[in-house]
Amino acid sequence: MIKNSFYILIYFFSLNCFFTIYNAQQIAKWGDQGDGTYRNPIIAGDYSDPDVIRVGLDYYMVTSTLQLSPGVHILHSTDLVNWETIGAAFQDVSKLGPKFNWDLMDNYNNGVYAPTIRYHDEKFWIFVNCFMGEGFWMATAKDPKGPWEIRQIKDKNGKPLRTYKWTDPCPFWDNNGKAYLGTSKPGGTWFSYLFEMKPDGTQLLDADVDSMNVLNALLPYPYHGTVISPVFSSEGNKIYKVKSYYYLVHIEFLGKDKGSYILRSKNIYGTKADGSPGKPGDPGSYEKLKFGIEIPGQGSFIDTPDSNWYWIGQFNNISTDGRNTNLVPVKWIDDWPVPGVNIDSQKIGKMIWQTQKPIRSSCIIFPQGSDDFNEGQLNPQWQWNYQPRADKWSLTERKGFLRLYAFKPVVNDSFFKAGNTICQRYLRSDTVVATVKLDIRGLTEGQEAGFSNFNGGIDYANVGVVQNNFEKRIKYEENGKVGLTVVIPANTHNIWFRSTINYSGINTYAYSLDGVVFRNFGGSYQLKQGNFRGDNIGIYCFNNASKSGFIDVDWFHYKFKNN
């Protein structure tokens, strides 16, 4: 993932070939096709920078979540195709830094990037770097559903690693008891680095936080760790050991040789010309294999119990569904893991769009879905746009309803600065229909609440109900511009809103006053990506005039046709 605005233009030029290859093949069908095959993407939603592990017969995946809360959703699968959201590691992202909280909401295009999940020492570990000042973090748990213990990683001097512009970390524990962390620094010194780490993950032994926060400077060991890929624009770091080889994986976004790379050596720091192992600060060289832009990048290798291997990665199309998740078979050739099919003599494979599932299963599962709010806690498929106010929402004040209280946005009349917006990811399909039923009897003067489609802080469209001058109106709004309003009866108790989206990402809203007859409202809206994020479908509630009013969300129904 690119995080430095200086390189945004170059980055988008580099994506043209990714985008062309991807759009030529993606269709409305995705995931489990119900006939023993799957169709890429396996998740047609914004599950970017995927990382996957296997523990016994179970698979667990984490992806980027940026400003959303809880941070780092955890997904579970038994077949690598069907994924269920089971929890999240960072339940309160405001603990990472104040910009994540409801009273600032100032971390769009930043926040939680490219986490890695591992299973070691009979517990689960998640490592993540937050991009703009929050720095290096780790979380551990006995159960992937939680609870998770959160800790800030420290530098060699015991200082918290609150760094700027470091990202994409991956831990590795070797058989000799030593531990390492691979990570990158996008920007002026945009390379992949390898740090020595305490085995408990709490400290990097060759890191100095003050030196690491010096921009555009490549400092010597032991202040910055060891540069292992001296190629500008490398990130998406992963470290594996299979048999006698270490494999260091990354992606390069810029230059004529952009693509995904595997570095290989029998020594983690590479091998010197005389055959001796490289050392921290004095690395040797690695053999290198590139698998190119036709295969999805920024992902991870994973095996099955019967020793078959796969690569899970993303295409950088950054469309309405974001950078979604793809699964590609891997063939081992001369001790190299080569993703794709029809592999040529240069060990470069081709993308495959539909093939047999890795593991037989009969149940089709999706990571997002409907909710009747009948449980005492939120379904883990939900996320908030930033950390919400704990005292401004409830599942217990009215059993069977999600109550959202209204309060003033950080910036008056600004949707992207309004707390208490709860959402799910949009799953791009032939047709997506999301419907919500609201009880609006708690609506007060100045309050607005409704349904929204929004991306990572740039574009949105809303249909909602607003009360002003003791009059209730249905209102359509797009990026701050009100397109249409209509008065509804003052004694209206319930209102239904519906979002219908076609495969091209064209959304139309409708409302109903009886749950039976729906009236289209507000015209059409083209969903868009923004700040490297696809679309979210959300429910919002705020009040520009005062801290008063509430709505009760009765249910949210989410349907999509994809096979």
Foldseek 3Di string as FASTA:
>chain_A
DAQDPVCPVQLVVLQPVLQVLVVVPDDQFAFDPQPQKTFPPLFQFAFALWEWADDPQKIKIWGADWLWAPTTFIWIDRFVRFIATQAGARRAQCVLDVCLALLNVNTFLWAWHNWYWDADPQKIKIWWATAAFSGTKMWIANDPSDDIDIDFAEEQVRHGLRAHQKTAKEKDADPVGWIKIWIAGPDLQTAIFIFTAHSVRRYTNQADNVVRRDPNDDDATSHHKGGQGNDHAWGLWYWDDDDQKIWIKIFHSDDPPGAIKIWIDSEPQAAAPVGHQADIRGGHGTDMAGQGSQDADSWDKYAHPVGWIKTKHFRCNLWQRFTTIHIFTWDQDPNDTATAPPQDPSSHHHDDGMDGTNDDDRDRHHHDWKDQLQDQDDDNQKIWSGRADPVQWGSPVDHRWIKGFAAAFSDHPDPSRGGDKMWGIDGQRQKKKKKWKKFFPQADAQKKKFKKKDASRQWIWTWIWHAHPLWIWTWIDIRSRTDDIDTDDSPQGMKMKMWMAGNQQKIWIWMDSPVPDTDTDDDIDRFGYDSSTHIIMIIHMYGNPGRGTMMIIRIMGIDHDRD
